[in-house]
Amino acid sequence: MEKVCSVLLIGCNLPRENTSNNSLYSTLWTQHSAEFEALTIQIYNTAERMLPIALEDNQWTASLDQGENYESLPPAIIMDLDETAIDNSFYQARYILDENCQSADSITKR
């Protein structure tokens, strides 16, 4: 007599994880986590530590598409004004609670 081994694949039909609250979870993480605050502080500390090194070397540039003769230009600090510089998490939380469509008008009205 032959023995047959069968495997039941139940895992294929497991319900998908509910990802509808990802925006909420990420906003709460930004507002309350010690990790976000520590990472932000680390970013600025690294920039502060690297600034004197960059200023001493006139060949140093952060721009990969820097044109010619940039060595004679005065130094400039260029920042991406993201969550590390501007805390927009309160707007994001209000947006989630109101379930409004985000638009440029909604940002200026708050």
C-alpha atoms as a PDB file:
ATOM      1  CA  MET A   1       0.000   0.000   0.000  1.00  0.00           C
ATOM      2  CA  GLU A   2       1.300   3.436  -0.926  1.00  0.00           C
ATOM      3  CA  LYS A   3       1.343   6.207   1.606  1.00  0.00           C
ATOM      4  CA  VAL A   4       0.424   9.654   0.364  1.00  0.00           C
ATOM      5  CA  CYS A   5       1.499  12.749   2.219  1.00  0.00           C
ATOM      6  CA  SER A   6      -0.592  15.830   1.642  1.00  0.00           C
ATOM      7  CA  VAL A   7       0.066  19.327   2.870  1.00  0.00           C
ATOM      8  CA  LEU A   8      -2.685  21.772   3.583  1.00  0.00           C
ATOM      9  CA  LEU A   9      -1.708  25.333   2.701  1.00  0.00           C
ATOM     10  CA  ILE A  10      -3.815  27.436   4.997  1.00  0.00           C
ATOM     11  CA  GLY A  11      -1.435  30.395   4.961  1.00  0.00           C
ATOM     12  CA  CYS A  12      -2.300  31.288   1.376  1.00  0.00           C
ATOM     13  CA  ASN A  13      -5.701  32.669   2.322  1.00  0.00           C
ATOM     14  CA  LEU A  14      -4.802  34.566   5.453  1.00  0.00           C
ATOM     15  CA  PRO A  15      -6.386  38.013   5.586  1.00  0.00           C
ATOM     16  CA  ARG A  16      -4.115  40.866   4.656  1.00  0.00           C
ATOM     17  CA  GLU A  17      -2.895  43.172   7.357  1.00  0.00           C
ATOM     18  CA  ASN A  18      -4.987  46.305   7.658  1.00  0.00           C
ATOM     19  CA  THR A  19      -2.713  49.093   6.439  1.00  0.00           C
ATOM     20  CA  SER A  20      -5.347  51.826   6.428  1.00  0.00           C
ATOM     21  CA  ASN A  21      -3.853  53.412   9.545  1.00  0.00           C
ATOM     22  CA  ASN A  22      -0.252  53.654   8.347  1.00  0.00           C
ATOM     23  CA  SER A  23      -0.478  57.431   8.190  1.00  0.00           C
ATOM     24  CA  LEU A  24      -1.830  57.546  11.728  1.00  0.00           C
ATOM     25  CA  TYR A  25       0.860  55.202  13.035  1.00  0.00           C
ATOM     26  CA  SER A  26       3.676  57.136  11.372  1.00  0.00           C
ATOM     27  CA  THR A  27       2.320  60.456  12.661  1.00  0.00           C
ATOM     28  CA  LEU A  28       2.096  59.117  16.205  1.00  0.00           C
ATOM     29  CA  TRP A  29       5.622  57.700  15.924  1.00  0.00           C
ATOM     30  CA  THR A  30       6.932  61.086  14.782  1.00  0.00           C
ATOM     31  CA  GLN A  31       5.183  62.891  17.632  1.00  0.00           C
ATOM     32  CA  HIS A  32       5.974  60.513  20.490  1.00  0.00           C
ATOM     33  CA  SER A  33       8.985  58.310  19.804  1.00  0.00           C
ATOM     34  CA  ALA A  34      12.323  58.827  21.466  1.00  0.00           C
ATOM     35  CA  GLU A  35      13.927  57.310  18.361  1.00  0.00           C
ATOM     36  CA  PHE A  36      12.672  60.104  16.078  1.00  0.00           C
ATOM     37  CA  GLU A  37      13.987  62.755  18.453  1.00  0.00           C
ATOM     38  CA  ALA A  38      17.339  60.947  18.800  1.00  0.00           C
ATOM     39  CA  LEU A  39      17.708  60.558  15.020  1.00  0.00           C
ATOM     40  CA  THR A  40      16.913  64.228  14.474  1.00  0.00           C
ATOM     41  CA  ILE A  41      19.482  65.297  17.058  1.00  0.00           C
ATOM     42  CA  GLN A  42      22.040  62.949  15.514  1.00  0.00           C
ATOM     43  CA  ILE A  43      21.474  64.451  12.044  1.00  0.00           C
ATOM     44  CA  TYR A  44      22.103  67.991  13.262  1.00  0.00           C
ATOM     45  CA  ASN A  45      25.089  66.957  15.413  1.00  0.00           C
ATOM     46  CA  THR A  46      26.677  65.266  12.398  1.00  0.00           C
ATOM     47  CA  ALA A  47      26.084  68.333  10.246  1.00  0.00           C
ATOM     48  CA  GLU A  48      27.595  70.561  12.938  1.00  0.00           C
ATOM     49  CA  ARG A  49      30.639  68.283  13.184  1.00  0.00           C
ATOM     50  CA  MET A  50      31.126  68.180   9.398  1.00  0.00           C
ATOM     51  CA  LEU A  51      30.638  71.900   8.726  1.00  0.00           C
ATOM     52  CA  PRO A  52      34.163  73.055   9.758  1.00  0.00           C
ATOM     53  CA  ILE A  53      35.699  70.269   7.655  1.00  0.00           C
ATOM     54  CA  ALA A  54      33.654  71.312   4.627  1.00  0.00           C
ATOM     55  CA  LEU A  55      34.493  75.006   5.102  1.00  0.00           C
ATOM     56  CA  GLU A  56      38.233  74.309   5.249  1.00  0.00           C
ATOM     57  CA  ASP A  57      38.233  72.493   1.889  1.00  0.00           C
ATOM     58  CA  ASN A  58      37.200  74.779  -0.993  1.00  0.00           C
ATOM     59  CA  GLN A  59      37.064  71.732  -3.300  1.00  0.00           C
ATOM     60  CA  TRP A  60      34.320  70.183  -1.162  1.00  0.00           C
ATOM     61  CA  THR A  61      30.780  70.407  -2.490  1.00  0.00           C
ATOM     62  CA  ALA A  62      27.532  68.729  -1.533  1.00  0.00           C
ATOM     63  CA  SER A  63      26.094  69.206  -5.001  1.00  0.00           C
ATOM     64  CA  LEU A  64      26.932  66.491  -7.508  1.00  0.00           C
ATOM     65  CA  ASP A  65      26.030  68.784 -10.402  1.00  0.00           C
ATOM     66  CA  GLN A  66      28.086  71.752  -9.158  1.00  0.00           C
ATOM     67  CA  GLY A  67      29.246  73.913 -12.064  1.00  0.00           C
ATOM     68  CA  GLU A  68      32.752  75.124 -12.765  1.00  0.00           C
ATOM     69  CA  ASN A  69      34.561  77.702 -10.623  1.00  0.00           C
ATOM     70  CA  TYR A  70      32.475  76.974  -7.551  1.00  0.00           C
ATOM     71  CA  GLU A  71      35.601  77.218  -5.388  1.00  0.00           C
ATOM     72  CA  SER A  72      35.381  81.019  -5.426  1.00  0.00           C
ATOM     73  CA  LEU A  73      31.706  81.136  -4.426  1.00  0.00           C
ATOM     74  CA  PRO A  74      30.773  81.786  -0.781  1.00  0.00           C
ATOM     75  CA  PRO A  75      29.641  78.744   1.192  1.00  0.00           C
ATOM     76  CA  ALA A  76      25.934  78.035   1.471  1.00  0.00           C
ATOM     77  CA  ILE A  77      23.907  75.720   3.661  1.00  0.00           C
ATOM     78  CA  ILE A  78      21.091  74.023   1.785  1.00  0.00           C
ATOM     79  CA  MET A  79      18.445  72.146   3.741  1.00  0.00           C
ATOM     80  CA  ASP A  80      15.447  70.044   2.897  1.00  0.00           C
ATOM     81  CA  LEU A  81      12.727  71.486   5.113  1.00  0.00           C
ATOM     82  CA  ASP A  82      11.289  68.148   6.161  1.00  0.00           C
ATOM     83  CA  GLU A  83      10.066  66.899   9.536  1.00  0.00           C
ATOM     84  CA  THR A  84      13.509  67.365  11.092  1.00  0.00           C
ATOM     85  CA  ALA A  85      13.312  71.147  10.564  1.00  0.00           C
ATOM     86  CA  ILE A  86       9.580  71.880  10.575  1.00  0.00           C
ATOM     87  CA  ASP A  87       7.170  69.875  12.706  1.00  0.00           C
ATOM     88  CA  ASN A  88       4.116  69.354  10.517  1.00  0.00           C
ATOM     89  CA  SER A  89       2.873  66.370  12.521  1.00  0.00           C
ATOM     90  CA  PHE A  90       0.088  68.390  14.153  1.00  0.00           C
ATOM     91  CA  TYR A  91      -1.248  69.347  10.717  1.00  0.00           C
ATOM     92  CA  GLN A  92      -0.955  65.708   9.641  1.00  0.00           C
ATOM     93  CA  ALA A  93      -2.846  64.561  12.757  1.00  0.00           C
ATOM     94  CA  ARG A  94      -5.634  67.087  12.094  1.00  0.00           C
ATOM     95  CA  TYR A  95      -5.750  65.950   8.470  1.00  0.00           C
ATOM     96  CA  ILE A  96      -6.184  62.335   9.583  1.00  0.00           C
ATOM     97  CA  LEU A  97      -8.912  63.238  12.076  1.00  0.00           C
ATOM     98  CA  ASP A  98     -10.802  65.396   9.593  1.00  0.00           C
ATOM     99  CA  GLU A  99     -10.332  62.905   6.734  1.00  0.00           C
ATOM    100  CA  ASN A 100      -9.900  65.813   4.344  1.00  0.00           C
ATOM    101  CA  CYS A 101      -8.138  65.696   1.033  1.00  0.00           C
ATOM    102  CA  GLN A 102      -4.731  67.262   1.475  1.00  0.00           C
ATOM    103  CA  SER A 103      -4.195  70.226  -0.782  1.00  0.00           C
ATOM    104  CA  ALA A 104      -2.142  73.390  -0.785  1.00  0.00           C
ATOM    105  CA  ASP A 105      -5.257  75.317   0.310  1.00  0.00           C
ATOM    106  CA  SER A 106      -5.743  73.098   3.358  1.00  0.00           C
ATOM    107  CA  ILE A 107      -2.190  73.752   4.520  1.00  0.00           C
ATOM    108  CA  THR A 108      -2.512  77.555   4.333  1.00  0.00           C
ATOM    109  CA  LYS A 109      -5.928  77.607   6.029  1.00  0.00           C
ATOM    110  CA  ARG A 110      -4.707  75.961   9.228  1.00  0.00           C
END
